[in-house]
């Protein structure tokens, strides 16, 4: 069946939209933790060339844990804004 050109685009499932919003909050929190110097302790992983990479994994996991526990409310605000944008008439 051919869809008429005036048909609204299909709505993405709310679960996928909410997951994207949580992922964005996690990325934001990881950047904030980096700026706060979470991995500033020299030699926390024994030093070496890979220390910066492993510190970023730890920072990312801390941010993900914060988001799973409710975060700072950014994910919910993003979800509502994106959902409103999708739901608005064209």
Protein backbone atom coordinates (compact mmCIF):
# COMPACT_ATOMS: atom_id res chain seq x y z
CA UNK A 1 0.00 0.00 0.00
CA UNK A 2 1.32 3.44 -0.89
CA UNK A 3 1.16 6.01 1.87
CA UNK A 4 -0.12 9.43 0.84
CA UNK A 5 2.49 12.21 1.12
CA UNK A 6 0.46 14.02 3.78
CA UNK A 7 0.59 11.08 6.22
CA UNK A 8 2.51 11.88 9.41
CA UNK A 9 5.74 9.96 9.92
CA UNK A 10 5.46 6.90 12.15
CA UNK A 11 6.09 7.65 15.83
CA UNK A 12 9.15 5.99 17.33
CA UNK A 13 8.44 3.88 20.39
CA UNK A 14 8.70 5.83 23.62
CA UNK A 15 11.13 3.26 25.02
CA UNK A 16 13.65 3.91 22.24
CA UNK A 17 13.28 7.67 22.68
CA UNK A 18 13.73 7.38 26.44
CA UNK A 19 16.85 5.20 25.97
CA UNK A 20 18.34 7.81 23.64
CA UNK A 21 17.65 10.54 26.20
CA UNK A 22 19.33 8.49 28.95
CA UNK A 23 22.34 7.88 26.72
CA UNK A 24 22.63 11.62 26.11
CA UNK A 25 22.48 12.29 29.86
CA UNK A 26 25.18 9.67 30.44
CA UNK A 27 27.46 11.32 27.88
CA UNK A 28 26.84 14.73 29.45
CA UNK A 29 27.58 13.44 32.95
CA UNK A 30 30.77 11.73 31.75
CA UNK A 31 31.99 15.04 30.33
CA UNK A 32 31.13 16.82 33.57
CA UNK A 33 32.96 14.20 35.62
CA UNK A 34 35.98 14.65 33.34
CA UNK A 35 35.85 18.42 33.81
CA UNK A 36 35.57 17.90 37.57
CA UNK A 37 38.79 15.88 37.49
CA UNK A 38 37.40 12.49 38.49
CA UNK A 39 40.44 10.78 36.99
CA UNK A 40 42.91 13.38 38.27
CA UNK A 41 44.59 10.99 40.73
CA UNK A 42 47.96 10.28 39.10
CA UNK A 43 48.79 6.62 38.95
CA UNK A 44 45.31 5.47 39.94
CA UNK A 45 45.66 2.59 37.48
CA UNK A 46 49.38 2.04 37.92
CA UNK A 47 50.47 4.55 35.27
CA UNK A 48 51.47 3.70 31.75
CA UNK A 49 50.22 4.61 28.31
CA UNK A 50 46.76 3.08 28.79
CA UNK A 51 45.90 4.83 32.03
CA UNK A 52 43.99 7.69 30.35
CA UNK A 53 41.93 5.22 28.32
CA UNK A 54 40.99 3.08 31.30
CA UNK A 55 40.19 6.16 33.37
CA UNK A 56 37.70 7.21 30.69
CA UNK A 57 36.00 3.78 30.95
CA UNK A 58 35.64 4.27 34.69
CA UNK A 59 34.26 7.78 34.21
CA UNK A 60 31.75 6.49 31.64
CA UNK A 61 30.58 3.74 34.01
CA UNK A 62 30.19 6.21 36.87
CA UNK A 63 28.07 8.42 34.61
CA UNK A 64 25.95 5.43 33.51
CA UNK A 65 25.39 4.43 37.14
CA UNK A 66 24.33 7.98 37.99
CA UNK A 67 21.85 7.96 35.10
CA UNK A 68 20.43 4.58 36.15
CA UNK A 69 19.85 5.98 39.65
CA UNK A 70 17.84 8.93 38.32
CA UNK A 71 20.63 11.22 37.15
CA UNK A 72 20.12 14.94 37.27
CA UNK A 73 16.79 15.02 35.43
CA UNK A 74 18.34 15.82 32.07
CA UNK A 75 17.17 12.58 30.44
CA UNK A 76 13.56 13.26 31.36
CA UNK A 77 13.74 16.84 30.09
CA UNK A 78 15.31 15.67 26.83
CA UNK A 79 12.72 12.91 26.45
CA UNK A 80 9.82 15.33 26.92
CA UNK A 81 11.32 17.86 24.49
CA UNK A 82 11.97 15.25 21.80
CA UNK A 83 8.53 13.66 22.29
CA UNK A 84 6.82 17.06 22.01
CA UNK A 85 8.78 17.76 18.83
CA UNK A 86 7.72 14.45 17.32
CA UNK A 87 4.09 14.88 18.39
CA UNK A 88 3.68 18.44 17.10
CA UNK A 89 1.49 18.76 14.03
CA UNK A 90 3.20 19.58 10.78
